[in-house]
């Protein structure tokens, strides 16, 4: 009868890439920001639009 092997592999140790968690999160936030289209400008309140027209 052959010797039984353990089915679970030992977990590999993570490699230290030299990045801090702060740098990793910042790079993810930057990638998210540049991958989205720019937001449309928010409409100005009616009172402010009138003042701009009067000043012109």
C-alpha atoms as a PDB file:
ATOM      1  CA  UNK A   1       0.000   0.000   0.000  1.00  0.00           C
ATOM      2  CA  UNK A   2       1.505   3.420  -1.029  1.00  0.00           C
ATOM      3  CA  UNK A   3       2.154   6.027   1.623  1.00  0.00           C
ATOM      4  CA  UNK A   4      -0.567   8.640   1.734  1.00  0.00           C
ATOM      5  CA  UNK A   5       0.389  12.228   1.002  1.00  0.00           C
ATOM      6  CA  UNK A   6      -1.162  15.219   2.681  1.00  0.00           C
ATOM      7  CA  UNK A   7      -3.662  16.824   0.326  1.00  0.00           C
ATOM      8  CA  UNK A   8      -3.127  20.388   1.503  1.00  0.00           C
ATOM      9  CA  UNK A   9      -0.026  22.182   0.298  1.00  0.00           C
ATOM     10  CA  UNK A  10       1.820  24.313   2.814  1.00  0.00           C
ATOM     11  CA  UNK A  11       0.986  27.971   2.319  1.00  0.00           C
ATOM     12  CA  UNK A  12       3.667  29.944   0.528  1.00  0.00           C
ATOM     13  CA  UNK A  13       5.086  32.879   2.386  1.00  0.00           C
ATOM     14  CA  UNK A  14       4.192  36.228   0.835  1.00  0.00           C
ATOM     15  CA  UNK A  15       7.045  38.048  -0.856  1.00  0.00           C
ATOM     16  CA  UNK A  16       7.817  41.487   0.519  1.00  0.00           C
ATOM     17  CA  UNK A  17       7.517  43.744  -2.504  1.00  0.00           C
ATOM     18  CA  UNK A  18       8.800  46.807  -0.687  1.00  0.00           C
ATOM     19  CA  UNK A  19       5.439  48.599  -0.913  1.00  0.00           C
ATOM     20  CA  UNK A  20       3.691  49.768   2.190  1.00  0.00           C
ATOM     21  CA  UNK A  21      -0.042  49.286   2.547  1.00  0.00           C
ATOM     22  CA  UNK A  22      -0.394  53.068   2.336  1.00  0.00           C
ATOM     23  CA  UNK A  23       1.392  53.140  -1.039  1.00  0.00           C
ATOM     24  CA  UNK A  24      -0.652  50.215  -2.309  1.00  0.00           C
ATOM     25  CA  UNK A  25      -3.947  51.854  -1.340  1.00  0.00           C
ATOM     26  CA  UNK A  26      -2.839  55.175  -2.831  1.00  0.00           C
ATOM     27  CA  UNK A  27      -1.978  53.512  -6.135  1.00  0.00           C
ATOM     28  CA  UNK A  28      -5.378  51.786  -6.203  1.00  0.00           C
ATOM     29  CA  UNK A  29      -7.151  55.093  -5.539  1.00  0.00           C
ATOM     30  CA  UNK A  30      -5.146  56.801  -8.288  1.00  0.00           C
ATOM     31  CA  UNK A  31      -5.917  54.037 -10.770  1.00  0.00           C
ATOM     32  CA  UNK A  32      -9.604  54.265  -9.898  1.00  0.00           C
ATOM     33  CA  UNK A  33      -9.580  58.050 -10.349  1.00  0.00           C
ATOM     34  CA  UNK A  34      -8.008  57.984 -13.805  1.00  0.00           C
ATOM     35  CA  UNK A  35     -10.142  55.108 -15.038  1.00  0.00           C
ATOM     36  CA  UNK A  36     -13.447  56.953 -14.538  1.00  0.00           C
ATOM     37  CA  UNK A  37     -14.765  59.641 -16.883  1.00  0.00           C
ATOM     38  CA  UNK A  38     -14.863  63.172 -15.471  1.00  0.00           C
ATOM     39  CA  UNK A  39     -18.007  64.189 -13.629  1.00  0.00           C
ATOM     40  CA  UNK A  40     -20.352  66.655 -15.263  1.00  0.00           C
ATOM     41  CA  UNK A  41     -20.285  70.094 -13.630  1.00  0.00           C
ATOM     42  CA  UNK A  42     -23.014  70.619 -11.095  1.00  0.00           C
ATOM     43  CA  UNK A  43     -25.631  73.206 -12.107  1.00  0.00           C
ATOM     44  CA  UNK A  44     -25.419  76.523 -10.300  1.00  0.00           C
ATOM     45  CA  UNK A  45     -28.354  77.701  -8.199  1.00  0.00           C
ATOM     46  CA  UNK A  46     -30.753  80.003 -10.116  1.00  0.00           C
ATOM     47  CA  UNK A  47     -29.824  83.086  -8.062  1.00  0.00           C
ATOM     48  CA  UNK A  48     -26.128  82.852  -8.939  1.00  0.00           C
ATOM     49  CA  UNK A  49     -26.826  82.526 -12.663  1.00  0.00           C
ATOM     50  CA  UNK A  50     -28.893  85.732 -12.614  1.00  0.00           C
ATOM     51  CA  UNK A  51     -26.134  87.711 -10.896  1.00  0.00           C
ATOM     52  CA  UNK A  52     -23.620  86.581 -13.535  1.00  0.00           C
ATOM     53  CA  UNK A  53     -25.905  87.752 -16.328  1.00  0.00           C
ATOM     54  CA  UNK A  54     -26.459  91.145 -14.663  1.00  0.00           C
ATOM     55  CA  UNK A  55     -22.730  91.673 -14.167  1.00  0.00           C
ATOM     56  CA  UNK A  56     -21.984  91.063 -17.844  1.00  0.00           C
END
